[in-house]
Amino acid sequence: MAGDLRTLAAILEITTELERIGDYAKGIANINLMIGPDPLIKPMIDIPHMAELARDMLRPCLDAFVRRDVELARFIRPRTLR
């Protein structure tokens, strides 16, 4: 019973974080639409790189949770931008 409650609490925390990620993505997309067809001041390098890092960290995290794989969860570490 206590394990079920912990799992439910973890799921609620995960969904909150996923919603926040989605909100940030929506905000970035809206800013992109506001910029319109104007040329960028510098090439877009950082945002695609950050998106790749986020994706590469998020997928293993969710996989570790679904599989209840503690070793995989311990292996996942935050990565730096550069």
N, C-alpha and C. Protein backbone atom coordinates (compact mmCIF):
# COMPACT_ATOMS: atom_id res chain seq x y z
N MET A 1 0.81 -1.19 0.00
CA MET A 1 0.00 0.00 0.00
C MET A 1 0.86 1.26 0.00
N ALA A 2 1.91 1.30 0.87
CA ALA A 2 2.77 2.47 0.92
C ALA A 2 3.53 2.65 -0.39
N GLY A 3 3.91 1.54 -1.01
CA GLY A 3 4.60 1.60 -2.31
C GLY A 3 3.70 2.20 -3.37
N ASP A 4 2.41 1.84 -3.34
CA ASP A 4 1.47 2.39 -4.31
C ASP A 4 1.33 3.90 -4.12
N LEU A 5 1.31 4.33 -2.87
CA LEU A 5 1.19 5.76 -2.60
C LEU A 5 2.43 6.51 -3.07
N ARG A 6 3.60 5.94 -2.87
CA ARG A 6 4.84 6.57 -3.34
C ARG A 6 4.86 6.63 -4.86
N THR A 7 4.40 5.57 -5.52
CA THR A 7 4.34 5.57 -6.98
C THR A 7 3.39 6.64 -7.47
N LEU A 8 2.25 6.76 -6.86
CA LEU A 8 1.29 7.80 -7.24
C LEU A 8 1.87 9.19 -7.03
N ALA A 9 2.54 9.41 -5.92
CA ALA A 9 3.17 10.71 -5.66
C ALA A 9 4.23 11.01 -6.71
N ALA A 10 5.01 10.00 -7.09
CA ALA A 10 6.04 10.19 -8.12
C ALA A 10 5.40 10.53 -9.46
N ILE A 11 4.32 9.84 -9.80
CA ILE A 11 3.63 10.11 -11.06
C ILE A 11 3.10 11.54 -11.09
N LEU A 12 2.53 11.99 -10.00
CA LEU A 12 2.03 13.36 -9.94
C LEU A 12 3.17 14.37 -10.10
N GLU A 13 4.30 14.10 -9.50
CA GLU A 13 5.47 14.99 -9.63
C GLU A 13 5.98 14.99 -11.06
N ILE A 14 6.04 13.83 -11.68
CA ILE A 14 6.52 13.72 -13.06
C ILE A 14 5.59 14.46 -14.01
N THR A 15 4.29 14.29 -13.85
CA THR A 15 3.35 14.97 -14.75
C THR A 15 3.45 16.49 -14.59
N THR A 16 3.69 16.96 -13.39
CA THR A 16 3.86 18.40 -13.17
C THR A 16 5.08 18.90 -13.93
N GLU A 17 6.17 18.17 -13.84
CA GLU A 17 7.40 18.57 -14.54
C GLU A 17 7.23 18.49 -16.05
N LEU A 18 6.56 17.45 -16.55
CA LEU A 18 6.32 17.34 -17.99
C LEU A 18 5.45 18.48 -18.50
N GLU A 19 4.48 18.88 -17.70
CA GLU A 19 3.63 20.01 -18.09
C GLU A 19 4.46 21.29 -18.15
N ARG A 20 5.37 21.46 -17.21
CA ARG A 20 6.22 22.66 -17.21
C ARG A 20 7.13 22.66 -18.44
N ILE A 21 7.67 21.50 -18.79
CA ILE A 21 8.50 21.40 -20.00
C ILE A 21 7.68 21.80 -21.22
N GLY A 22 6.46 21.32 -21.29
CA GLY A 22 5.57 21.67 -22.40
C GLY A 22 5.26 23.15 -22.44
N ASP A 23 5.05 23.76 -21.28
CA ASP A 23 4.79 25.20 -21.22
C ASP A 23 5.98 25.99 -21.74
N TYR A 24 7.20 25.59 -21.36
CA TYR A 24 8.40 26.27 -21.84
C TYR A 24 8.53 26.11 -23.36
N ALA A 25 8.27 24.92 -23.87
CA ALA A 25 8.35 24.68 -25.31
C ALA A 25 7.33 25.55 -26.05
N LYS A 26 6.14 25.67 -25.50
CA LYS A 26 5.12 26.51 -26.11
C LYS A 26 5.55 27.97 -26.11
N GLY A 27 6.14 28.42 -25.02
CA GLY A 27 6.63 29.80 -24.94
C GLY A 27 7.71 30.08 -25.97
N ILE A 28 8.63 29.14 -26.13
CA ILE A 28 9.70 29.30 -27.13
C ILE A 28 9.10 29.34 -28.53
N ALA A 29 8.13 28.48 -28.80
CA ALA A 29 7.47 28.47 -30.11
C ALA A 29 6.74 29.79 -30.37
N ASN A 30 6.06 30.33 -29.36
CA ASN A 30 5.37 31.61 -29.53
C ASN A 30 6.34 32.75 -29.81
N ILE A 31 7.46 32.76 -29.13
CA ILE A 31 8.49 33.78 -29.38
C ILE A 31 8.99 33.65 -30.81
N ASN A 32 9.19 32.43 -31.26
CA ASN A 32 9.64 32.20 -32.63
C ASN A 32 8.63 32.76 -33.63
N LEU A 33 7.35 32.57 -33.35
CA LEU A 33 6.32 33.11 -34.25
C LEU A 33 6.31 34.64 -34.23
N MET A 34 6.56 35.24 -33.06
CA MET A 34 6.59 36.70 -32.98
C MET A 34 7.78 37.28 -33.75
N ILE A 35 8.90 36.56 -33.75
CA ILE A 35 10.07 37.02 -34.50
C ILE A 35 9.75 37.06 -35.99
N GLY A 36 8.98 36.10 -36.45
CA GLY A 36 8.57 36.06 -37.84
C GLY A 36 9.71 35.74 -38.78
N PRO A 37 9.61 36.24 -40.00
CA PRO A 37 10.62 35.89 -41.01
C PRO A 37 11.90 36.72 -40.92
N ASP A 38 12.00 37.63 -39.94
CA ASP A 38 13.21 38.45 -39.82
C ASP A 38 14.43 37.56 -39.63
N PRO A 39 15.56 37.97 -40.22
CA PRO A 39 16.76 37.16 -40.05
C PRO A 39 17.24 37.17 -38.59
N LEU A 40 17.82 36.09 -38.18
CA LEU A 40 18.32 35.98 -36.81
C LEU A 40 19.63 36.75 -36.67
N ILE A 41 19.89 37.26 -35.47
CA ILE A 41 21.11 38.01 -35.22
C ILE A 41 22.32 37.08 -35.28
N LYS A 42 22.17 35.89 -34.76
CA LYS A 42 23.24 34.89 -34.82
C LYS A 42 22.61 33.54 -35.14
N PRO A 43 23.38 32.62 -35.66
CA PRO A 43 22.82 31.30 -36.00
C PRO A 43 22.26 30.61 -34.75
N MET A 44 21.18 29.88 -34.96
CA MET A 44 20.57 29.16 -33.84
C MET A 44 21.36 27.87 -33.60
N ILE A 45 22.21 27.93 -32.59
CA ILE A 45 23.03 26.77 -32.25
C ILE A 45 22.63 26.26 -30.87
N ASP A 46 22.48 27.17 -29.92
CA ASP A 46 22.25 26.78 -28.52
C ASP A 46 20.90 26.11 -28.30
N ILE A 47 19.83 26.64 -28.88
CA ILE A 47 18.50 26.09 -28.61
C ILE A 47 18.38 24.65 -29.11
N PRO A 48 18.77 24.34 -30.35
CA PRO A 48 18.71 22.93 -30.76
C PRO A 48 19.59 22.03 -29.90
N HIS A 49 20.74 22.55 -29.49
CA HIS A 49 21.63 21.75 -28.64
C HIS A 49 20.98 21.49 -27.27
N MET A 50 20.35 22.53 -26.70
CA MET A 50 19.67 22.36 -25.41
C MET A 50 18.51 21.38 -25.54
N ALA A 51 17.78 21.45 -26.66
CA ALA A 51 16.66 20.53 -26.88
C ALA A 51 17.17 19.08 -26.94
N GLU A 52 18.30 18.89 -27.62
CA GLU A 52 18.87 17.55 -27.72
C GLU A 52 19.30 17.03 -26.34
N LEU A 53 19.95 17.90 -25.56
CA LEU A 53 20.36 17.49 -24.21
C LEU A 53 19.15 17.13 -23.35
N ALA A 54 18.10 17.96 -23.41
CA ALA A 54 16.90 17.71 -22.61
C ALA A 54 16.26 16.38 -23.01
N ARG A 55 16.15 16.16 -24.31
CA ARG A 55 15.56 14.90 -24.79
C ARG A 55 16.38 13.70 -24.35
N ASP A 56 17.71 13.84 -24.46
CA ASP A 56 18.59 12.73 -24.11
C ASP A 56 18.62 12.45 -22.61
N MET A 57 18.20 13.41 -21.79
CA MET A 57 18.10 13.17 -20.35
C MET A 57 16.70 12.69 -19.96
N LEU A 58 15.68 13.24 -20.63
CA LEU A 58 14.30 12.93 -20.26
C LEU A 58 13.92 11.49 -20.57
N ARG A 59 14.26 11.02 -21.76
CA ARG A 59 13.85 9.67 -22.16
C ARG A 59 14.39 8.61 -21.20
N PRO A 60 15.69 8.62 -20.87
CA PRO A 60 16.18 7.60 -19.92
C PRO A 60 15.53 7.74 -18.54
N CYS A 61 15.22 8.95 -18.14
CA CYS A 61 14.56 9.14 -16.84
C CYS A 61 13.20 8.45 -16.82
N LEU A 62 12.43 8.69 -17.86
CA LEU A 62 11.10 8.07 -17.93
C LEU A 62 11.21 6.55 -18.07
N ASP A 63 12.18 6.10 -18.87
CA ASP A 63 12.39 4.65 -19.01
C ASP A 63 12.75 4.02 -17.66
N ALA A 64 13.63 4.68 -16.92
CA ALA A 64 14.03 4.15 -15.61
C ALA A 64 12.83 4.08 -14.67
N PHE A 65 11.97 5.09 -14.72
CA PHE A 65 10.79 5.07 -13.85
C PHE A 65 9.84 3.94 -14.24
N VAL A 66 9.55 3.83 -15.53
CA VAL A 66 8.60 2.82 -15.99
C VAL A 66 9.12 1.41 -15.69
N ARG A 67 10.41 1.21 -15.91
CA ARG A 67 11.01 -0.12 -15.67
C ARG A 67 11.35 -0.35 -14.21
N ARG A 68 11.27 0.71 -13.41
CA ARG A 68 11.69 0.67 -12.00
C ARG A 68 13.14 0.20 -11.91
N ASP A 69 13.97 0.79 -12.78
CA ASP A 69 15.37 0.43 -12.91
C ASP A 69 16.22 1.43 -12.13
N VAL A 70 16.60 1.06 -10.93
CA VAL A 70 17.36 1.96 -10.05
C VAL A 70 18.74 2.25 -10.62
N GLU A 71 19.38 1.24 -11.20
CA GLU A 71 20.73 1.44 -11.76
C GLU A 71 20.70 2.44 -12.91
N LEU A 72 19.72 2.36 -13.78
CA LEU A 72 19.59 3.32 -14.87
C LEU A 72 19.34 4.72 -14.32
N ALA A 73 18.51 4.82 -13.32
CA ALA A 73 18.23 6.13 -12.72
C ALA A 73 19.48 6.73 -12.10
N ARG A 74 20.31 5.92 -11.48
CA ARG A 74 21.56 6.42 -10.89
C ARG A 74 22.56 6.84 -11.95
N PHE A 75 22.50 6.22 -13.11
CA PHE A 75 23.44 6.51 -14.17
C PHE A 75 23.17 7.85 -14.84
N ILE A 76 21.92 8.28 -14.82
CA ILE A 76 21.53 9.53 -15.50
C ILE A 76 22.04 10.71 -14.69
N ARG A 77 22.78 11.56 -15.35
CA ARG A 77 23.30 12.76 -14.70
C ARG A 77 22.98 13.97 -15.55
N PRO A 78 22.82 15.12 -14.90
CA PRO A 78 22.65 16.34 -15.70
C PRO A 78 23.89 16.58 -16.57
N ARG A 79 23.66 17.04 -17.76
CA ARG A 79 24.77 17.34 -18.67
C ARG A 79 24.86 18.85 -18.86
N THR A 80 26.04 19.33 -19.14
CA THR A 80 26.23 20.76 -19.33
C THR A 80 26.01 21.12 -20.78
N LEU A 81 25.80 22.41 -21.03
CA LEU A 81 25.52 22.89 -22.38
C LEU A 81 26.73 22.73 -23.28
N ARG A 82 27.90 22.89 -22.78
CA ARG A 82 29.12 22.80 -23.61
C ARG A 82 29.96 21.63 -23.21
